[in-house]
Each structure stands twice: as C-alpha cells, then as structure tokens.
Amino acid sequence: MLEMVDQMPAFPASVQRILAMTSNVNVAPKDLVQVIDHDPVLTMRILKVVNSAYYGLSQPIVSVKHAVVYIGINTIKHLALGIAAIGTMPRENQAGFLTRAFLLHSVTTAVISRRLTESLRAGAAVTADAFVAGLIHDIGQVVFAHFLPEKYQHVLALTKKQNLPLHVAELDILGADHAELGGLLAEKWKLPPNLVEAIRYHHHEPDEHADAPVRNSIYLANVLSDRLEPTPFSPVALPEPPSHVLSRYGKSVEELLEEMSALEEEFESARTFVER
C-alpha cells in the first residue's frame, strides 16, 4: 500500500502551499487569494464551481477575491482541496472498475455529509471538511483498481458473487481495504487529522461518546448514499446505522432518506466537481 501511495501524484504546489498557509490561523486572506490566482487551472475550476447552482449566488463571480467575499476563505480553501483531490484520481483502469459510478457515489456522499454536518451546527469549516471527506472517502478503491487491476477484478467478482461489501472482499483477497489505503493517501497529502480519521474509518461504527462530527457524518452519509443512489458496488444487505449515531441527527433512517431525496438539485450541481 505504501508503494502505491508513493506513486500517486502529489497535490499541485499551489494546493500544498494553501494547506501550509491555512495551518496558521492568522494567515491573511489576500495571501491565500494570491497563491490561488497564480494557478490558472485551479482558479478556473474554483470559479466554475462557485458559479454553479450548487452555491446559488445571485450574481456571477469573476475572481477568487470576489468569491472570498461571498462564500468565505475557508470554503475557498476546501474547494481547492476537493478539486485537487478529484484531479489526482486516475480515470482509466484494467480492472473493470466503473469510475463514473464511483464518482457519482462520491458526490452523493459529499452532499449528504455536508447536509448532516450542517444539522449538527458544527461550524462552516467543519461542514466544508465533511464535504471534502465525502468526495474522497473511497479514493482507495481507485488506487487499488489502477495499480492492482488483476487482483481487483477478483475483488469485484467476489463482491458480486457473494453480495459482499466491497471492503470485505478487499480484505479477503488483498489483506487490506480501500479505507485504510485512503487514510494513508490522506496522510501523504497532509490533510487535516479529522479528514484522515473520517476516510480511514468510514466503514466502522463511530464511538458513541466521541465528538467527531466529520467521521459521524461520513459514516452515515455513506450508508444513506448507498440506499438513495445504489451503485454496482453497493452491497445488497446494507448496514443499519446504530441508534447512537442516528440520535445525533434526531431522525430515523427513513426520515433522513426522505430529507436527502429532496436534494437532487444539489447532487446535480455538485457534479461540477467531477467534471474535467
């Protein structure tokens, strides 16, 4: 796994600088804007997302500086992270892994996770973290399919034949699962610890007493996403979220599914992230 992680492309230099700068709480927004402005591709993609229906702004945004005024510097930072992470994913593989279905699941999970975290009133920065974590929580699947295509063909076949969750089939054949691999990649990219934890443990029931809004929301969003928009990787028998997780959101699975099913416009708009 470490060899595969080492072969994955690093974030662009501009995004690495953004991560380094924003670890300092006193960083000036104008300095961050200047770094983004020097990366034309990142600037273009940020403006494309900001001007999509996902944000629903009343007027066109024509610069990163302009965007900061309307949606805040933390959101711009997290947009840059999400865009960079999606951009590193190989789109082609020999394993028969359906990358488009994977990306649609990722976007659906990201939107649901963002909405769940908003309901916890965890703050704008944490909510943005939850969206980014949702976008890349399954990135280990792509890495396995790209670097171990023959073995991953067997994983996909076992999943289909025995109706197993993908991560269970991975453990059986590869000895490790995509969540652990994704956590290693998130560490390589020096993502915040709460994102690393959410990615690494998104198939594990959260601790009943832990204050971990991103991890809680990613775990539940992943389950709800598989029920709302099943993919070829979705297990037939989906896990039932434990009551202590649901109690944080004050709703049953059925109520949450009904609420999330009304987010189709958000799902559609968020797909801007996965377009190149």
Foldseek 3Di string as FASTA:
>chain_A
DVVLLVPQDAFPPLLLVLLVQVVDVPRDLVVNQVSQVVPVVLFVLLQLLCQFCLVPDPDRQDGVVSVCVPPNSLLSSLLSLLLRVLVRFDCDFQQPDHVVLVQLLLLQLLVQLLVLLVLLVPDDNLSSLLSSLSRCLQSLLRSCRHPVRVLVNVLLVCCVVVLDQSQVSCCVRVVGGSLCVSLVSCVVNVHDPLSSVLSNCLCPQDDLPDPRSSNLSSNVSSLLSCVQPNDSNRGPDGDAHDPSSVVSNPDHSVVSNVVSNVCVSSSVSSCSSNDD
